[in-house]
Amino acid sequence: MRRQKVIQQKIELVRTELNKLAQLYGLQDKRVLEKSRELDQLLNVLADARNCP
């Protein structure tokens, strides 16, 4: 359970960073796309953590 909490906190941080980058540079900017991929990876890690007993 603790691991999920840490992952959720990282997700919120990356989501905030993603939103800021998108506002500054637009949705098609390389930095925005990279941050979006980072967020996707964290969301996948969280999903895996929730599925493991």
C-alpha atoms as a PDB file:
ATOM      1  CA  MET A   1       0.000   0.000   0.000  1.00  0.00           C
ATOM      2  CA  ARG A   2       2.837   2.415   0.810  1.00  0.00           C
ATOM      3  CA  ARG A   3       4.368   1.829  -2.635  1.00  0.00           C
ATOM      4  CA  GLN A   4       1.106   2.836  -4.297  1.00  0.00           C
ATOM      5  CA  LYS A   5       1.021   6.065  -2.290  1.00  0.00           C
ATOM      6  CA  VAL A   6       4.548   6.978  -3.407  1.00  0.00           C
ATOM      7  CA  ILE A   7       3.683   6.238  -7.033  1.00  0.00           C
ATOM      8  CA  GLN A   8       0.516   8.352  -6.762  1.00  0.00           C
ATOM      9  CA  GLN A   9       2.544  11.262  -5.404  1.00  0.00           C
ATOM     10  CA  LYS A  10       4.997  10.964  -8.298  1.00  0.00           C
ATOM     11  CA  ILE A  11       2.074  10.861 -10.725  1.00  0.00           C
ATOM     12  CA  GLU A  12       0.659  14.097  -9.342  1.00  0.00           C
ATOM     13  CA  LEU A  13       4.054  15.784  -9.571  1.00  0.00           C
ATOM     14  CA  VAL A  14       4.598  14.683 -13.166  1.00  0.00           C
ATOM     15  CA  ARG A  15       1.027  15.641 -14.090  1.00  0.00           C
ATOM     16  CA  THR A  16       1.611  19.149 -12.751  1.00  0.00           C
ATOM     17  CA  GLU A  17       4.878  19.401 -14.672  1.00  0.00           C
ATOM     18  CA  LEU A  18       3.150  18.166 -17.815  1.00  0.00           C
ATOM     19  CA  ASN A  19       0.427  20.796 -17.539  1.00  0.00           C
ATOM     20  CA  LYS A  20       2.969  23.577 -17.060  1.00  0.00           C
ATOM     21  CA  LEU A  21       5.022  22.428 -20.038  1.00  0.00           C
ATOM     22  CA  ALA A  22       1.921  22.164 -22.216  1.00  0.00           C
ATOM     23  CA  GLN A  23       0.910  25.722 -21.329  1.00  0.00           C
ATOM     24  CA  LEU A  24       4.391  27.044 -22.065  1.00  0.00           C
ATOM     25  CA  TYR A  25       5.233  25.127 -25.230  1.00  0.00           C
ATOM     26  CA  GLY A  26       2.041  23.634 -26.651  1.00  0.00           C
ATOM     27  CA  LEU A  27       0.910  20.047 -26.875  1.00  0.00           C
ATOM     28  CA  GLN A  28       3.174  19.020 -29.761  1.00  0.00           C
ATOM     29  CA  ASP A  29       6.450  20.113 -28.162  1.00  0.00           C
ATOM     30  CA  LYS A  30       9.060  17.389 -27.641  1.00  0.00           C
ATOM     31  CA  ARG A  31       9.342  18.175 -23.917  1.00  0.00           C
ATOM     32  CA  VAL A  32       5.592  17.826 -23.468  1.00  0.00           C
ATOM     33  CA  LEU A  33       5.497  14.522 -25.319  1.00  0.00           C
ATOM     34  CA  GLU A  34       8.389  13.147 -23.259  1.00  0.00           C
ATOM     35  CA  LYS A  35       6.701  14.184 -20.011  1.00  0.00           C
ATOM     36  CA  SER A  36       3.473  12.592 -21.212  1.00  0.00           C
ATOM     37  CA  ARG A  37       5.326   9.317 -21.816  1.00  0.00           C
ATOM     38  CA  GLU A  38       6.801   9.554 -18.329  1.00  0.00           C
ATOM     39  CA  LEU A  39       3.309   9.978 -16.901  1.00  0.00           C
ATOM     40  CA  ASP A  40       2.040   7.015 -18.915  1.00  0.00           C
ATOM     41  CA  GLN A  41       4.823   4.837 -17.526  1.00  0.00           C
ATOM     42  CA  LEU A  42       4.000   5.833 -13.954  1.00  0.00           C
ATOM     43  CA  LEU A  43       0.320   5.117 -14.525  1.00  0.00           C
ATOM     44  CA  ASN A  44       1.257   1.664 -15.820  1.00  0.00           C
ATOM     45  CA  VAL A  45       3.433   1.045 -12.760  1.00  0.00           C
ATOM     46  CA  LEU A  46       0.533   2.045 -10.510  1.00  0.00           C
ATOM     47  CA  ALA A  47      -1.848  -0.253 -12.355  1.00  0.00           C
ATOM     48  CA  ASP A  48       0.615  -3.130 -11.987  1.00  0.00           C
ATOM     49  CA  ALA A  49       1.073  -2.383  -8.272  1.00  0.00           C
ATOM     50  CA  ARG A  50      -2.696  -2.473  -7.760  1.00  0.00           C
ATOM     51  CA  ASN A  51      -2.971  -5.820  -9.534  1.00  0.00           C
ATOM     52  CA  CYS A  52      -0.231  -7.495  -7.478  1.00  0.00           C
ATOM     53  CA  PRO A  53      -1.316  -9.082  -4.205  1.00  0.00           C
END
